[in-house]
Amino acid sequence: MDDIYQLPDRTILLRIGEKLKALRLKQNITQQSLAEAANVSISTVKKIEKGEICSFDAFLRMLRTLGKLDALQQLVEEEQLSPSEYYDMVQASKTRLRKRAVGKLNQTKREESEW
């Protein structure tokens, strides 16, 4: 497999589109029925399969319909903190408490109102 970081964006989009088309065909789903099930237009399905992913919403709906939404699992998982990271976070929040200024206003230097 190629290093994805070395591939141009266009190549990545084309490969994603080809993969989605292959998944659709493997599941014996027509473009029309995929469009209806994903609640997108048939032209959107055709564009995405050609690597023209203009609408992330439509892309997500197609992934969900094809049963491949788990491909994005890493992006939506919340990171788990280690016990030491959690401790550090709690300690840091305790030290950030605001403190009031301790001094009094100098009453003598205050300008008097003209009223």
N, C-alpha and C. Protein backbone atom coordinates (compact mmCIF):
# COMPACT_ATOMS: atom_id res chain seq x y z
N MET A 1 0.85 -1.19 0.00
CA MET A 1 0.00 0.00 0.00
C MET A 1 0.88 1.24 0.00
N ASP A 2 0.44 2.23 -0.72
CA ASP A 2 1.16 3.51 -0.79
C ASP A 2 1.02 4.25 0.54
N ASP A 3 2.01 5.08 0.82
CA ASP A 3 1.93 5.96 1.98
C ASP A 3 0.92 7.05 1.63
N ILE A 4 -0.17 7.10 2.36
CA ILE A 4 -1.25 8.03 2.03
C ILE A 4 -0.79 9.48 2.09
N TYR A 5 0.22 9.77 2.89
CA TYR A 5 0.72 11.14 3.00
C TYR A 5 1.51 11.56 1.78
N GLN A 6 1.94 10.60 1.00
CA GLN A 6 2.69 10.91 -0.22
C GLN A 6 1.77 11.07 -1.43
N LEU A 7 0.52 10.66 -1.31
CA LEU A 7 -0.42 10.72 -2.44
C LEU A 7 -1.02 12.12 -2.57
N PRO A 8 -1.22 12.57 -3.80
CA PRO A 8 -1.93 13.84 -4.00
C PRO A 8 -3.40 13.69 -3.59
N ASP A 9 -4.01 14.79 -3.20
CA ASP A 9 -5.42 14.77 -2.77
C ASP A 9 -6.32 14.15 -3.83
N ARG A 10 -6.08 14.51 -5.07
CA ARG A 10 -6.93 14.00 -6.17
C ARG A 10 -6.87 12.47 -6.23
N THR A 11 -5.70 11.89 -6.06
CA THR A 11 -5.55 10.43 -6.09
C THR A 11 -6.31 9.79 -4.94
N ILE A 12 -6.23 10.41 -3.77
CA ILE A 12 -6.96 9.88 -2.61
C ILE A 12 -8.46 9.90 -2.87
N LEU A 13 -8.96 11.02 -3.40
CA LEU A 13 -10.39 11.12 -3.70
C LEU A 13 -10.82 10.10 -4.74
N LEU A 14 -10.01 9.91 -5.77
CA LEU A 14 -10.33 8.92 -6.80
C LEU A 14 -10.39 7.51 -6.21
N ARG A 15 -9.44 7.19 -5.35
CA ARG A 15 -9.43 5.86 -4.74
C ARG A 15 -10.64 5.65 -3.82
N ILE A 16 -11.01 6.68 -3.09
CA ILE A 16 -12.20 6.58 -2.23
C ILE A 16 -13.44 6.34 -3.09
N GLY A 17 -13.56 7.11 -4.17
CA GLY A 17 -14.70 6.94 -5.07
C GLY A 17 -14.75 5.55 -5.68
N GLU A 18 -13.59 5.04 -6.11
CA GLU A 18 -13.53 3.69 -6.68
C GLU A 18 -13.92 2.64 -5.65
N LYS A 19 -13.45 2.83 -4.43
CA LYS A 19 -13.77 1.89 -3.35
C LYS A 19 -15.26 1.88 -3.05
N LEU A 20 -15.87 3.05 -3.00
CA LEU A 20 -17.31 3.12 -2.75
C LEU A 20 -18.10 2.47 -3.87
N LYS A 21 -17.67 2.68 -5.10
CA LYS A 21 -18.34 2.05 -6.24
C LYS A 21 -18.23 0.53 -6.16
N ALA A 22 -17.03 0.03 -5.82
CA ALA A 22 -16.83 -1.40 -5.68
C ALA A 22 -17.70 -1.99 -4.57
N LEU A 23 -17.81 -1.26 -3.45
CA LEU A 23 -18.67 -1.71 -2.35
C LEU A 23 -20.13 -1.78 -2.79
N ARG A 24 -20.55 -0.74 -3.50
CA ARG A 24 -21.94 -0.71 -3.98
C ARG A 24 -22.21 -1.88 -4.91
N LEU A 25 -21.30 -2.11 -5.85
CA LEU A 25 -21.49 -3.21 -6.80
C LEU A 25 -21.43 -4.58 -6.10
N LYS A 26 -20.54 -4.71 -5.13
CA LYS A 26 -20.41 -5.96 -4.38
C LYS A 26 -21.70 -6.28 -3.62
N GLN A 27 -22.37 -5.24 -3.16
CA GLN A 27 -23.64 -5.40 -2.44
C GLN A 27 -24.83 -5.44 -3.39
N ASN A 28 -24.53 -5.39 -4.70
CA ASN A 28 -25.56 -5.46 -5.74
C ASN A 28 -26.62 -4.35 -5.58
N ILE A 29 -26.12 -3.13 -5.37
CA ILE A 29 -27.00 -1.97 -5.21
C ILE A 29 -26.79 -1.06 -6.41
N THR A 30 -27.87 -0.59 -6.97
CA THR A 30 -27.76 0.34 -8.09
C THR A 30 -27.49 1.75 -7.55
N GLN A 31 -26.99 2.60 -8.44
CA GLN A 31 -26.76 3.99 -8.05
C GLN A 31 -28.07 4.64 -7.62
N GLN A 32 -29.14 4.34 -8.33
CA GLN A 32 -30.44 4.92 -8.01
C GLN A 32 -30.91 4.50 -6.62
N SER A 33 -30.81 3.21 -6.30
CA SER A 33 -31.29 2.76 -4.99
C SER A 33 -30.38 3.28 -3.87
N LEU A 34 -29.08 3.39 -4.13
CA LEU A 34 -28.18 3.96 -3.13
C LEU A 34 -28.54 5.43 -2.89
N ALA A 35 -28.80 6.15 -3.96
CA ALA A 35 -29.18 7.56 -3.84
C ALA A 35 -30.45 7.70 -3.00
N GLU A 36 -31.43 6.86 -3.26
CA GLU A 36 -32.68 6.92 -2.50
C GLU A 36 -32.46 6.56 -1.04
N ALA A 37 -31.70 5.50 -0.79
CA ALA A 37 -31.47 5.05 0.59
C ALA A 37 -30.64 6.06 1.38
N ALA A 38 -29.69 6.71 0.72
CA ALA A 38 -28.84 7.69 1.38
C ALA A 38 -29.44 9.09 1.37
N ASN A 39 -30.57 9.24 0.72
CA ASN A 39 -31.26 10.52 0.62
C ASN A 39 -30.38 11.59 -0.04
N VAL A 40 -29.75 11.19 -1.15
CA VAL A 40 -28.96 12.11 -1.97
C VAL A 40 -29.41 11.94 -3.42
N SER A 41 -28.99 12.85 -4.27
CA SER A 41 -29.36 12.73 -5.68
C SER A 41 -28.47 11.69 -6.36
N ILE A 42 -28.96 11.15 -7.46
CA ILE A 42 -28.18 10.17 -8.21
C ILE A 42 -26.92 10.82 -8.78
N SER A 43 -27.02 12.10 -9.14
CA SER A 43 -25.83 12.79 -9.66
C SER A 43 -24.76 12.92 -8.57
N THR A 44 -25.17 13.06 -7.32
CA THR A 44 -24.23 13.11 -6.21
C THR A 44 -23.51 11.77 -6.07
N VAL A 45 -24.24 10.68 -6.18
CA VAL A 45 -23.64 9.34 -6.11
C VAL A 45 -22.61 9.19 -7.23
N LYS A 46 -22.99 9.59 -8.44
CA LYS A 46 -22.08 9.47 -9.58
C LYS A 46 -20.82 10.30 -9.37
N LYS A 47 -20.99 11.53 -8.88
CA LYS A 47 -19.84 12.41 -8.65
C LYS A 47 -18.91 11.82 -7.59
N ILE A 48 -19.47 11.34 -6.49
CA ILE A 48 -18.65 10.78 -5.41
C ILE A 48 -17.89 9.55 -5.91
N GLU A 49 -18.55 8.74 -6.72
CA GLU A 49 -17.88 7.55 -7.26
C GLU A 49 -16.76 7.92 -8.22
N LYS A 50 -16.81 9.14 -8.79
CA LYS A 50 -15.74 9.62 -9.66
C LYS A 50 -14.67 10.38 -8.88
N GLY A 51 -14.82 10.44 -7.55
CA GLY A 51 -13.84 11.13 -6.73
C GLY A 51 -14.11 12.60 -6.54
N GLU A 52 -15.30 13.03 -6.87
CA GLU A 52 -15.68 14.43 -6.70
C GLU A 52 -16.54 14.56 -5.44
N ILE A 53 -15.90 14.51 -4.29
CA ILE A 53 -16.62 14.55 -3.02
C ILE A 53 -16.77 16.00 -2.58
N CYS A 54 -17.87 16.61 -3.00
CA CYS A 54 -18.11 18.02 -2.71
C CYS A 54 -18.90 18.20 -1.42
N SER A 55 -19.73 17.22 -1.10
CA SER A 55 -20.59 17.32 0.08
C SER A 55 -20.20 16.23 1.08
N PHE A 56 -19.68 16.66 2.22
CA PHE A 56 -19.29 15.70 3.24
C PHE A 56 -20.53 15.02 3.81
N ASP A 57 -21.66 15.74 3.90
CA ASP A 57 -22.91 15.15 4.36
C ASP A 57 -23.31 13.97 3.49
N ALA A 58 -23.29 14.18 2.18
CA ALA A 58 -23.67 13.12 1.25
C ALA A 58 -22.70 11.95 1.36
N PHE A 59 -21.42 12.24 1.51
CA PHE A 59 -20.40 11.21 1.66
C PHE A 59 -20.69 10.37 2.91
N LEU A 60 -21.00 11.03 4.03
CA LEU A 60 -21.33 10.30 5.26
C LEU A 60 -22.58 9.44 5.10
N ARG A 61 -23.59 9.98 4.44
CA ARG A 61 -24.83 9.22 4.22
C ARG A 61 -24.57 7.99 3.37
N MET A 62 -23.72 8.13 2.35
CA MET A 62 -23.39 6.98 1.51
C MET A 62 -22.61 5.93 2.31
N LEU A 63 -21.64 6.36 3.11
CA LEU A 63 -20.89 5.42 3.95
C LEU A 63 -21.82 4.68 4.90
N ARG A 64 -22.75 5.41 5.51
CA ARG A 64 -23.70 4.79 6.44
C ARG A 64 -24.56 3.76 5.71
N THR A 65 -25.05 4.10 4.55
CA THR A 65 -25.91 3.21 3.77
C THR A 65 -25.16 1.96 3.33
N LEU A 66 -23.90 2.10 2.96
CA LEU A 66 -23.10 0.96 2.52
C LEU A 66 -22.52 0.17 3.69
N GLY A 67 -22.76 0.63 4.91
CA GLY A 67 -22.28 -0.08 6.09
C GLY A 67 -20.79 0.11 6.34
N LYS A 68 -20.23 1.22 5.91
CA LYS A 68 -18.80 1.47 6.06
C LYS A 68 -18.49 2.73 6.86
N LEU A 69 -19.43 3.18 7.65
CA LEU A 69 -19.21 4.37 8.46
C LEU A 69 -18.12 4.13 9.50
N ASP A 70 -17.90 2.86 9.84
CA ASP A 70 -16.85 2.54 10.82
C ASP A 70 -15.46 2.90 10.32
N ALA A 71 -15.32 3.19 9.05
CA ALA A 71 -14.03 3.62 8.51
C ALA A 71 -13.59 4.95 9.14
N LEU A 72 -14.54 5.69 9.69
CA LEU A 72 -14.24 6.97 10.31
C LEU A 72 -14.20 6.89 11.84
N GLN A 73 -14.26 5.68 12.37
CA GLN A 73 -14.33 5.47 13.81
C GLN A 73 -13.24 6.22 14.58
N GLN A 74 -12.01 6.14 14.12
CA GLN A 74 -10.91 6.80 14.83
C GLN A 74 -11.10 8.30 14.94
N LEU A 75 -11.78 8.88 13.97
CA LEU A 75 -11.95 10.34 13.97
C LEU A 75 -12.99 10.81 14.99
N VAL A 76 -13.91 9.93 15.39
CA VAL A 76 -14.97 10.35 16.29
C VAL A 76 -14.81 9.82 17.70
N GLU A 77 -13.83 8.94 17.93
CA GLU A 77 -13.61 8.42 19.27
C GLU A 77 -13.02 9.49 20.16
N GLU A 78 -13.47 9.51 21.40
CA GLU A 78 -12.88 10.41 22.37
C GLU A 78 -11.62 9.76 22.92
N GLU A 79 -10.59 10.55 23.06
CA GLU A 79 -9.34 10.01 23.57
C GLU A 79 -9.47 9.75 25.06
N GLN A 80 -8.95 8.61 25.49
CA GLN A 80 -8.97 8.24 26.90
C GLN A 80 -7.72 8.82 27.58
N LEU A 81 -7.93 9.43 28.72
CA LEU A 81 -6.80 9.97 29.47
C LEU A 81 -6.21 8.88 30.35
N SER A 82 -4.90 8.89 30.46
CA SER A 82 -4.26 7.98 31.40
C SER A 82 -4.49 8.53 32.80
N PRO A 83 -4.34 7.73 33.85
CA PRO A 83 -4.53 8.24 35.21
C PRO A 83 -3.63 9.43 35.53
N SER A 84 -2.40 9.40 35.03
CA SER A 84 -1.50 10.53 35.32
C SER A 84 -1.93 11.78 34.56
N GLU A 85 -2.43 11.62 33.33
CA GLU A 85 -2.92 12.78 32.58
C GLU A 85 -4.14 13.38 33.26
N TYR A 86 -5.03 12.51 33.77
CA TYR A 86 -6.23 12.97 34.47
C TYR A 86 -5.82 13.74 35.74
N TYR A 87 -4.87 13.19 36.49
CA TYR A 87 -4.38 13.84 37.71
C TYR A 87 -3.81 15.22 37.37
N ASP A 88 -2.97 15.28 36.34
CA ASP A 88 -2.38 16.55 35.93
C ASP A 88 -3.44 17.56 35.55
N MET A 89 -4.48 17.10 34.84
CA MET A 89 -5.55 18.00 34.42
C MET A 89 -6.31 18.55 35.63
N VAL A 90 -6.60 17.68 36.62
CA VAL A 90 -7.31 18.12 37.82
C VAL A 90 -6.45 19.12 38.60
N GLN A 91 -5.17 18.82 38.74
CA GLN A 91 -4.28 19.72 39.48
C GLN A 91 -4.16 21.07 38.78
N ALA A 92 -4.10 21.06 37.46
CA ALA A 92 -4.00 22.30 36.70
C ALA A 92 -5.25 23.15 36.87
N SER A 93 -6.41 22.52 36.93
CA SER A 93 -7.66 23.29 37.08
C SER A 93 -7.75 23.90 38.48
N LYS A 94 -7.16 23.26 39.47
CA LYS A 94 -7.19 23.81 40.83
C LYS A 94 -6.32 25.05 40.95
N THR A 95 -5.24 25.10 40.22
CA THR A 95 -4.33 26.24 40.33
C THR A 95 -4.78 27.43 39.50
N ARG A 96 -5.75 27.24 38.68
CA ARG A 96 -6.21 28.34 37.81
C ARG A 96 -7.31 29.19 38.45
N LEU A 97 -7.64 28.94 39.71
CA LEU A 97 -8.70 29.71 40.34
C LEU A 97 -8.32 31.18 40.39
N ARG A 98 -9.29 32.03 40.07
CA ARG A 98 -9.04 33.47 40.08
C ARG A 98 -8.96 33.98 41.50
N LYS A 99 -8.09 34.88 41.69
CA LYS A 99 -7.97 35.49 43.01
C LYS A 99 -8.31 36.97 42.89
N ARG A 100 -8.89 37.49 43.95
CA ARG A 100 -9.23 38.91 43.97
C ARG A 100 -7.98 39.73 44.24
N ALA A 101 -8.03 40.92 43.70
CA ALA A 101 -6.93 41.84 43.96
C ALA A 101 -6.95 42.22 45.44
N VAL A 102 -5.81 42.32 46.05
CA VAL A 102 -5.75 42.61 47.49
C VAL A 102 -5.48 44.07 47.70
N GLY A 103 -5.50 44.95 47.51
CA GLY A 103 -5.18 46.34 47.72
C GLY A 103 -6.42 47.17 47.67
N LYS A 104 -6.29 48.36 48.28
CA LYS A 104 -7.42 49.29 48.27
C LYS A 104 -7.12 50.39 47.27
N LEU A 105 -8.16 50.99 46.78
CA LEU A 105 -7.97 52.12 45.88
C LEU A 105 -7.42 53.30 46.66
N ASN A 106 -6.56 54.00 46.06
CA ASN A 106 -6.00 55.19 46.69
C ASN A 106 -7.04 56.30 46.60
N GLN A 107 -7.68 56.57 47.70
CA GLN A 107 -8.77 57.53 47.71
C GLN A 107 -8.31 58.96 47.45
N THR A 108 -7.11 59.28 47.77
CA THR A 108 -6.67 60.66 47.64
C THR A 108 -6.36 61.04 46.20
N LYS A 109 -5.95 60.10 45.39
CA LYS A 109 -5.59 60.43 44.02
C LYS A 109 -6.78 60.37 43.07
N ARG A 110 -7.94 60.03 43.56
CA ARG A 110 -9.11 59.91 42.73
C ARG A 110 -9.60 61.30 42.32
N GLU A 111 -9.86 61.46 41.03
CA GLU A 111 -10.33 62.76 40.55
C GLU A 111 -11.76 62.99 41.02
N GLU A 112 -12.02 64.22 41.37
CA GLU A 112 -13.35 64.53 41.80
C GLU A 112 -14.22 64.87 40.60
N SER A 113 -15.45 64.52 40.72
CA SER A 113 -16.39 64.76 39.64
C SER A 113 -16.76 66.23 39.59
N GLU A 114 -17.06 66.71 38.42
CA GLU A 114 -17.44 68.11 38.26
C GLU A 114 -18.91 68.32 38.59
N TRP A 115 -19.60 67.30 38.90
CA TRP A 115 -21.02 67.45 39.20
C TRP A 115 -21.19 67.99 40.53
